Protein backbone atom coordinates (compact mmCIF):
# COMPACT_ATOMS: atom_id res chain seq x y z
CA MET A 1 0.00 0.00 0.00
CA LYS A 2 1.32 3.42 -0.97
CA HIS A 3 1.99 6.01 1.70
CA ARG A 4 3.75 9.35 1.87
CA VAL A 5 7.51 9.09 1.37
CA LYS A 6 9.19 12.02 3.08
CA PHE A 7 12.40 13.44 1.72
CA TYR A 8 13.81 13.10 5.23
CA ASP A 9 12.01 11.84 8.33
CA PRO A 10 13.78 12.77 11.59
CA VAL A 11 11.31 10.79 13.69
CA ARG A 12 12.02 7.59 11.80
CA GLU A 13 15.73 8.38 11.63
CA HIS A 14 16.02 8.69 15.41
CA SER A 15 13.55 6.05 16.58
CA ALA A 16 16.14 3.26 16.65
CA ILE A 17 18.45 5.27 18.92
CA ARG A 18 15.85 7.17 20.92
CA SER A 19 16.87 5.57 24.23
CA GLU A 20 20.53 6.47 23.64
CA LEU A 21 19.64 10.05 22.73
CA ASP A 22 17.44 10.30 25.84
CA ALA A 23 20.28 8.95 28.00
CA ALA A 24 22.68 11.49 26.49
CA TYR A 25 20.23 14.27 27.35
CA HIS A 26 19.88 13.12 30.96
CA ASN A 27 23.66 12.81 31.31
CA PHE A 28 23.98 16.35 29.98
CA MET A 29 21.43 17.64 32.49
CA GLU A 30 23.27 15.98 35.35
CA GLY A 31 26.78 16.75 34.17
CA GLY A 32 26.98 20.39 35.16
CA PHE A 33 28.62 21.59 31.92
CA LEU A 34 26.33 23.66 29.69
CA ILE A 35 28.80 25.44 27.38
CA LEU A 36 32.15 24.11 26.09
CA GLY A 37 32.11 21.16 28.45
CA ASN A 38 33.49 17.64 28.37
CA LYS A 39 31.22 16.42 25.58
CA VAL A 40 32.40 19.12 23.17
CA LYS A 41 36.00 18.19 23.97
CA GLU A 42 35.20 14.49 23.55
CA PHE A 43 33.54 15.12 20.18
CA GLU A 44 36.43 17.29 19.00
CA LEU A 45 38.85 14.50 19.96
CA TRP A 46 36.74 11.91 18.15
CA SER A 47 36.70 14.15 15.07
CA CYS A 48 40.50 14.49 15.17
CA GLN A 49 40.85 10.73 15.19
CA PHE A 50 38.19 10.16 12.53
CA LEU A 51 39.59 12.77 10.16
CA SER A 52 43.27 12.14 11.01
CA GLN A 53 43.69 15.80 11.90
CA ARG A 54 45.70 17.24 14.77
CA TYR A 55 43.08 19.83 15.73
CA CYS A 56 39.29 20.11 15.56
CA ILE A 57 37.11 22.94 16.84
CA GLY A 58 33.36 22.68 17.32
CA VAL A 59 31.41 25.74 16.15
CA ASN A 60 27.80 26.80 15.79
CA SER A 61 27.22 25.81 12.14
CA GLY A 62 28.83 24.84 8.87
CA LEU A 63 28.59 28.44 7.67
CA ASP A 64 30.42 29.66 10.76
CA ALA A 65 33.06 26.97 10.22
CA LEU A 66 33.73 28.38 6.74
CA ILE A 67 33.81 31.98 7.94
CA VAL A 68 36.18 31.26 10.83
CA ALA A 69 38.43 29.15 8.59
CA LEU A 70 38.70 31.95 6.03
CA LYS A 71 39.35 34.60 8.66
CA ALA A 72 41.98 32.42 10.33
CA LEU A 73 43.90 32.59 7.05
CA GLY A 74 43.66 36.39 7.03
CA ILE A 75 41.45 36.47 3.96
CA GLY A 76 39.55 39.74 3.67
CA LEU A 77 38.82 42.87 1.68
CA GLY A 78 40.33 42.86 -1.80
CA ASP A 79 41.01 39.12 -1.84
CA GLU A 80 39.42 36.56 -4.15
CA VAL A 81 38.42 32.99 -3.36
CA LEU A 82 37.60 30.46 -6.09
CA VAL A 83 34.33 28.66 -5.37
CA PRO A 84 31.84 26.56 -7.39
CA SER A 85 29.18 28.42 -9.32
CA ASN A 86 26.65 25.67 -8.46
CA THR A 87 27.14 25.26 -4.71
CA TYR A 88 24.75 26.02 -1.85
CA ILE A 89 24.92 29.74 -1.23
CA ALA A 90 26.59 29.30 2.19
CA SER A 91 29.91 28.74 0.40
CA TRP A 92 29.61 32.19 -1.20
CA LEU A 93 28.21 33.89 1.89
CA ALA A 94 31.18 32.79 3.98
CA ILE A 95 33.59 34.42 1.53
CA SER A 96 31.52 37.60 1.40
CA ALA A 97 31.41 37.73 5.21
CA THR A 98 35.17 38.26 5.27
CA GLY A 99 35.02 41.12 2.76
CA ALA A 100 36.58 38.96 0.04
CA ARG A 101 34.94 38.25 -3.30
CA PRO A 102 33.71 34.80 -4.39
CA ILE A 103 34.97 33.98 -7.88
CA ALA A 104 32.62 31.50 -9.52
CA VAL A 105 34.08 28.44 -11.24
CA GLU A 106 31.93 26.26 -13.48
CA PRO A 107 31.72 22.58 -12.47
CA ASP A 108 32.49 19.48 -14.48
CA TYR A 109 29.30 18.48 -16.30
CA VAL A 110 29.45 14.84 -15.13
CA THR A 111 30.62 15.08 -11.51
CA MET A 112 29.09 18.52 -10.87
CA ASN A 113 32.25 19.34 -8.87
CA ILE A 114 34.82 21.95 -9.85
CA THR A 115 38.21 20.87 -11.17
CA ALA A 116 41.74 22.18 -10.82
CA GLN A 117 41.85 22.86 -14.55
CA ALA A 118 38.78 25.11 -14.39
CA CYS A 119 40.21 26.91 -11.35
CA ARG A 120 43.55 27.52 -13.06
CA GLU A 121 41.83 29.73 -15.62
CA LYS A 122 40.32 31.94 -12.87
CA ILE A 123 43.49 32.71 -10.91
CA THR A 124 44.49 36.38 -10.71
CA SER A 125 46.92 38.41 -8.64
CA ARG A 126 44.15 38.80 -6.04
CA THR A 127 43.39 35.09 -5.65
CA ARG A 128 44.15 33.85 -2.14
CA ALA A 129 42.35 30.51 -1.84
CA ILE A 130 40.40 27.72 -3.53
CA MET A 131 37.28 26.34 -1.86
CA PRO A 132 36.37 22.92 -3.31
CA VAL A 133 32.88 21.75 -2.31
CA HIS A 134 32.31 18.00 -2.20
CA LEU A 135 28.85 18.45 -3.66
CA TYR A 136 26.15 15.90 -2.81
CA GLY A 137 28.76 13.72 -1.05
CA LEU A 138 31.10 13.07 -4.01
CA PRO A 139 34.75 13.91 -3.24
CA CYS A 140 36.47 16.44 -5.48
CA GLU A 141 39.76 15.52 -7.14
CA MET A 142 41.85 16.97 -4.33
CA PRO A 143 45.41 16.19 -5.57
CA GLY A 144 44.92 18.57 -8.50
CA PHE A 145 43.83 21.40 -6.20
CA LEU A 146 46.76 20.85 -3.86
CA GLU A 147 49.23 20.95 -6.74
CA LEU A 148 47.62 24.06 -8.20
CA ALA A 149 47.63 25.79 -4.83
CA ASP A 150 51.25 24.90 -4.21
CA ASN A 151 52.28 26.25 -7.62
CA HIS A 152 50.49 29.56 -7.09
CA GLY A 153 50.92 30.09 -3.35
CA LEU A 154 47.23 29.62 -2.55
CA PHE A 155 45.31 28.10 0.35
CA VAL A 156 42.90 25.18 -0.06
CA ILE A 157 39.83 25.24 2.20
CA GLU A 158 37.47 22.29 1.87
CA ASP A 159 33.73 22.79 2.23
CA ASN A 160 32.99 19.29 3.51
CA ALA A 161 29.41 20.04 4.60
CA GLN A 162 27.89 17.36 2.36
CA ALA A 163 30.56 14.65 2.42
CA PHE A 164 31.45 13.94 6.04
CA GLY A 165 32.80 10.38 6.14
CA ALA A 166 33.78 10.28 2.47
CA ALA A 167 37.34 9.37 1.51
CA LEU A 168 39.57 9.73 -1.52
CA ASN A 169 42.34 7.15 -1.87
CA GLY A 170 41.83 6.28 1.77
CA GLN A 171 42.08 9.87 3.04
CA LYS A 172 38.99 11.49 4.53
CA THR A 173 37.55 14.54 2.85
CA GLY A 174 37.97 17.53 5.09
CA SER A 175 41.60 16.63 5.77
CA PHE A 176 43.28 17.72 2.52
CA GLY A 177 43.09 21.49 2.90
CA VAL A 178 45.15 23.64 5.24
CA ILE A 179 41.92 24.28 7.15
CA ASN A 180 38.49 22.78 6.48
CA ALA A 181 34.82 23.17 7.37
CA HIS A 182 32.16 20.59 8.22
CA SER A 183 28.42 20.83 8.90
CA PHE A 184 26.22 18.78 11.23
CA TYR A 185 22.89 20.17 10.07
CA PRO A 186 20.29 17.47 10.86
CA THR A 187 20.05 16.03 7.34
CA LYS A 188 23.83 15.65 6.87
CA ASN A 189 25.69 12.33 6.87
CA LEU A 190 26.40 12.99 10.54
CA GLY A 191 23.58 15.22 11.72
CA ALA A 192 22.90 16.92 15.02
CA LEU A 193 19.40 17.61 16.32
CA GLY A 194 19.93 21.26 15.45
CA ASP A 195 22.79 23.29 14.02
CA GLY A 196 26.44 22.42 14.48
CA GLY A 197 29.75 22.71 12.66
CA LEU A 198 33.42 21.84 12.91
CA ILE A 199 36.78 23.21 11.78
CA SER A 200 39.66 20.79 11.18
CA THR A 201 43.33 21.56 10.59
CA ASN A 202 46.87 20.31 11.17
CA ASP A 203 48.19 23.85 11.61
CA GLN A 204 48.68 24.86 15.26
CA THR A 205 48.70 28.60 14.55
CA LEU A 206 45.39 28.43 12.68
CA TYR A 207 43.94 26.24 15.43
CA GLU A 208 44.90 28.61 18.22
CA TRP A 209 43.50 31.63 16.38
CA ALA A 210 40.21 29.89 15.51
CA LEU A 211 39.87 28.53 19.05
CA LYS A 212 39.99 32.09 20.39
CA TYR A 213 37.86 33.62 17.66
CA ARG A 214 34.93 31.22 18.17
CA ASN A 215 34.75 32.23 21.87
CA TYR A 216 34.78 36.05 21.93
CA GLY A 217 38.49 36.09 21.12
CA SER A 218 39.29 34.40 24.42
CA THR A 219 40.80 31.20 25.77
CA ILE A 220 41.12 32.55 29.32
CA ARG A 221 37.84 33.82 30.71
CA TYR A 222 37.46 37.59 30.49
CA ILE A 223 40.81 37.93 28.72
CA ASN A 224 40.21 38.80 25.07
CA ASP A 225 43.22 38.75 22.76
CA ILE A 226 41.32 39.35 19.49
CA GLN A 227 37.89 40.63 18.49
CA GLY A 228 36.01 37.36 18.27
CA VAL A 229 32.47 36.05 18.03
CA ASN A 230 30.23 33.59 19.85
CA SER A 231 30.24 30.48 17.66
CA ARG A 232 30.46 27.45 19.91
CA LEU A 233 29.20 23.92 19.34
CA ASP A 234 26.49 23.38 21.90
CA GLU A 235 27.31 20.87 24.65
CA LEU A 236 23.97 19.10 24.20
CA GLN A 237 24.43 18.80 20.43
CA ALA A 238 27.90 17.35 21.03
CA SER A 239 26.35 14.78 23.36
CA TRP A 240 23.88 13.69 20.68
CA LEU A 241 26.52 13.71 17.94
CA LEU A 242 28.66 11.35 20.01
CA VAL A 243 25.75 8.89 20.08
CA LYS A 244 25.42 9.09 16.31
CA THR A 245 29.14 8.65 15.60
CA ARG A 246 28.82 5.01 16.66
CA MET A 247 26.53 4.26 13.72
CA LEU A 248 28.10 6.54 11.10
CA ASP A 249 29.81 3.81 9.05
CA ILE A 250 26.64 1.70 9.06
CA GLN A 251 24.58 4.66 7.89
CA LEU A 252 27.04 5.57 5.14
CA ASN A 253 26.90 2.00 3.85
CA LYS A 254 23.09 2.16 3.92
CA ARG A 255 23.18 5.37 1.86
CA ARG A 256 25.36 3.64 -0.72
CA GLU A 257 23.08 0.59 -0.75
CA ILE A 258 19.97 2.66 -1.48
CA ALA A 259 21.86 4.67 -4.11
CA CYS A 260 22.95 1.45 -5.83
CA GLN A 261 19.32 0.27 -5.91
CA TYR A 262 18.25 3.56 -7.49
CA THR A 263 21.06 3.49 -10.04
CA ALA A 264 20.36 -0.09 -11.09
CA ALA A 265 16.63 0.58 -11.46
CA PHE A 266 16.94 3.87 -13.36
CA GLN A 267 19.35 2.79 -16.08
CA GLY A 268 18.14 3.83 -19.53
CA LEU A 269 15.08 5.77 -18.39
CA GLY A 270 14.34 8.58 -20.82
CA ASP A 271 16.88 11.39 -20.64
CA LEU A 272 17.59 10.72 -16.96
CA ILE A 273 21.19 11.44 -15.95
CA LEU A 274 22.21 9.63 -12.78
CA PRO A 275 24.83 10.55 -10.18
CA PRO A 276 28.33 9.23 -10.93
CA ALA A 277 28.74 5.61 -9.82
CA ASN A 278 31.71 6.06 -7.51
CA SER A 279 32.65 3.94 -4.50
CA ASP A 280 33.87 7.10 -2.70
CA HIS A 281 30.45 8.77 -3.01
CA THR A 282 28.51 9.04 0.28
CA TYR A 283 25.26 10.04 -1.46
CA HIS A 284 24.30 12.71 1.03
CA ILE A 285 21.98 13.68 -1.82
CA TYR A 286 20.88 11.49 -4.74
CA ALA A 287 20.44 14.09 -7.47
CA VAL A 288 19.19 13.05 -10.90
CA ARG A 289 18.88 15.29 -13.94
CA THR A 290 16.20 15.51 -16.59
CA ARG A 291 14.70 18.15 -18.88
CA LEU A 292 11.37 16.99 -17.46
CA ARG A 293 12.43 17.87 -13.91
CA ASN A 294 9.35 19.89 -12.99
CA GLU A 295 6.98 17.34 -14.53
CA LEU A 296 8.75 14.50 -12.69
CA ALA A 297 8.58 16.39 -9.40
CA ASP A 298 4.84 17.03 -9.91
CA TYR A 299 4.21 13.36 -10.73
CA LEU A 300 6.09 12.18 -7.66
CA ARG A 301 4.23 14.66 -5.47
CA MET A 302 0.91 13.32 -6.77
CA ASN A 303 2.17 9.90 -5.79
CA GLU A 304 2.94 10.99 -2.22
CA ILE A 305 6.71 11.26 -2.74
CA ASP A 306 8.62 14.33 -1.58
CA THR A 307 11.53 15.72 -3.59
CA VAL A 308 13.82 18.73 -3.26
CA ILE A 309 15.73 20.81 -5.82
CA HIS A 310 19.38 21.30 -4.86
CA TYR A 311 19.50 24.12 -5.99
CA PRO A 312 16.85 26.02 -8.00
CA VAL A 313 18.75 29.32 -8.29
CA PRO A 314 22.55 29.39 -8.55
CA PRO A 315 24.33 31.93 -6.33
CA HIS A 316 25.26 34.30 -9.16
CA LEU A 317 21.57 34.83 -9.98
CA GLN A 318 20.42 35.33 -6.38
CA LYS A 319 19.14 38.79 -5.48
CA CYS A 320 21.75 39.15 -2.73
CA TYR A 321 24.49 39.08 -5.41
CA ALA A 322 22.76 41.44 -7.82
CA GLY A 323 25.56 43.93 -7.19
CA TYR A 324 27.94 41.69 -9.13
CA ASN A 325 25.84 42.34 -12.27
CA TYR A 326 25.73 38.72 -13.38
CA VAL A 327 23.12 37.83 -15.98
CA LYS A 328 21.62 34.56 -17.11
CA GLY A 329 24.05 32.86 -19.45
CA ASP A 330 27.19 33.81 -17.54
CA PHE A 331 27.50 30.29 -16.07
CA PRO A 332 25.57 27.99 -18.41
CA VAL A 333 26.53 24.67 -16.79
CA SER A 334 25.33 25.78 -13.36
CA GLU A 335 22.20 27.28 -14.87
CA GLU A 336 21.42 24.03 -16.68
CA LEU A 337 21.90 22.10 -13.45
CA ALA A 338 19.54 24.47 -11.65
CA GLU A 339 16.89 23.76 -14.29
CA THR A 340 17.32 19.96 -14.45
CA VAL A 341 18.44 18.63 -11.05
CA LEU A 342 15.98 16.82 -8.78
CA SER A 343 16.91 15.17 -5.49
CA LEU A 344 15.12 11.94 -4.59
CA PRO A 345 14.52 10.76 -1.02
CA LEU A 346 17.56 8.97 0.37
CA TYR A 347 18.37 8.56 4.04
CA PRO A 348 19.43 5.49 6.05
CA ALA A 349 16.11 4.89 7.85
CA MET A 350 13.97 4.79 4.70
CA GLY A 351 13.11 1.16 5.26
CA GLU A 352 11.70 -0.03 1.93
CA ASP A 353 10.37 3.35 0.81
CA GLN A 354 12.94 3.45 -1.99
CA TYR A 355 10.92 0.81 -3.86
CA GLN A 356 7.92 3.14 -3.95
CA VAL A 357 10.20 5.86 -5.34
CA ILE A 358 11.64 3.47 -7.94
CA GLU A 359 8.19 2.36 -9.08
CA ALA A 360 6.92 5.92 -9.45
CA VAL A 361 9.98 7.19 -11.35
CA LYS A 362 9.79 4.26 -13.77
CA GLN A 363 6.07 4.80 -14.28
CA PHE A 364 6.62 8.45 -15.08
CA PHE A 365 9.12 7.76 -17.85
CA GLU A 366 7.03 4.90 -19.24
CA LYS A 367 4.21 7.41 -19.78
CA GLN A 368 6.39 9.82 -21.78
């Protein structure tokens, strides 16, 4: 019997670990640490070990992680940072928040990630950094970025918001750059029950600056060395994240399993373009492409299946960047993606809902 298939269902996602989450909450209430307590330190240590990084700093969100990382490098007014033209707008907003300018780079048509070759053509005397985004959970080709950065004296900052747990040649994404940002928004591969973010680095100087900056510019209470902000990972969110770390590998494997079922079922359907079949992909999002995107979304909605468009308007055409005077046609690959991409439900606790999605997608293309 058909029922509504949600794009993401937090109730279902957390039901199997509800008792552990409840226990973590009660331990938090009885522990006496409300801000920057033992659980934040424990989660930061776990993240260091998981990512093979010397230092990790819990912050309020993935956006804050990007902003603090950029500012730790001294990036600011007059600087340029290379960033995908088809990313979530947070990648651009972080650059703008420092006073620097985001320089849009068109992605590869197949992977939808930017490449070192495309970035090379955008480098100017004002370029300070490259920000690869591991879009939808597929790792970028990091060795090319590292070589390009080394040749031109640039920084690499990974936006690992969508690919936590992914690896490239055995090395975790979010550990290649000099400093990197991660998000624990609830729908992410490792999601909190609210906002949360993380900065990772092997550089002690960057770590010490970011550690101060996230806490009013202070590491000793009431002693403020720099003008900082309040961007601290919440102690309660850290407690819940620690519960969820124990099932991360299982959940990543489940994401890949569902993605493989989709890919096998959707082969040869109409003009449908499927995500790259890549063993390194974590499938945070399973994004297909079709010229009939809107019609497919409508059909799935009529069949009680939720979908999302990631993303309907690329950053360069958003109103908040109207001052850059971009017009439609400036970044045709990103604009085509915005008009054709559709994200299907995919999360570890789907049960057998993917079969309802598969049936409906196949029915739609059979009717064309």
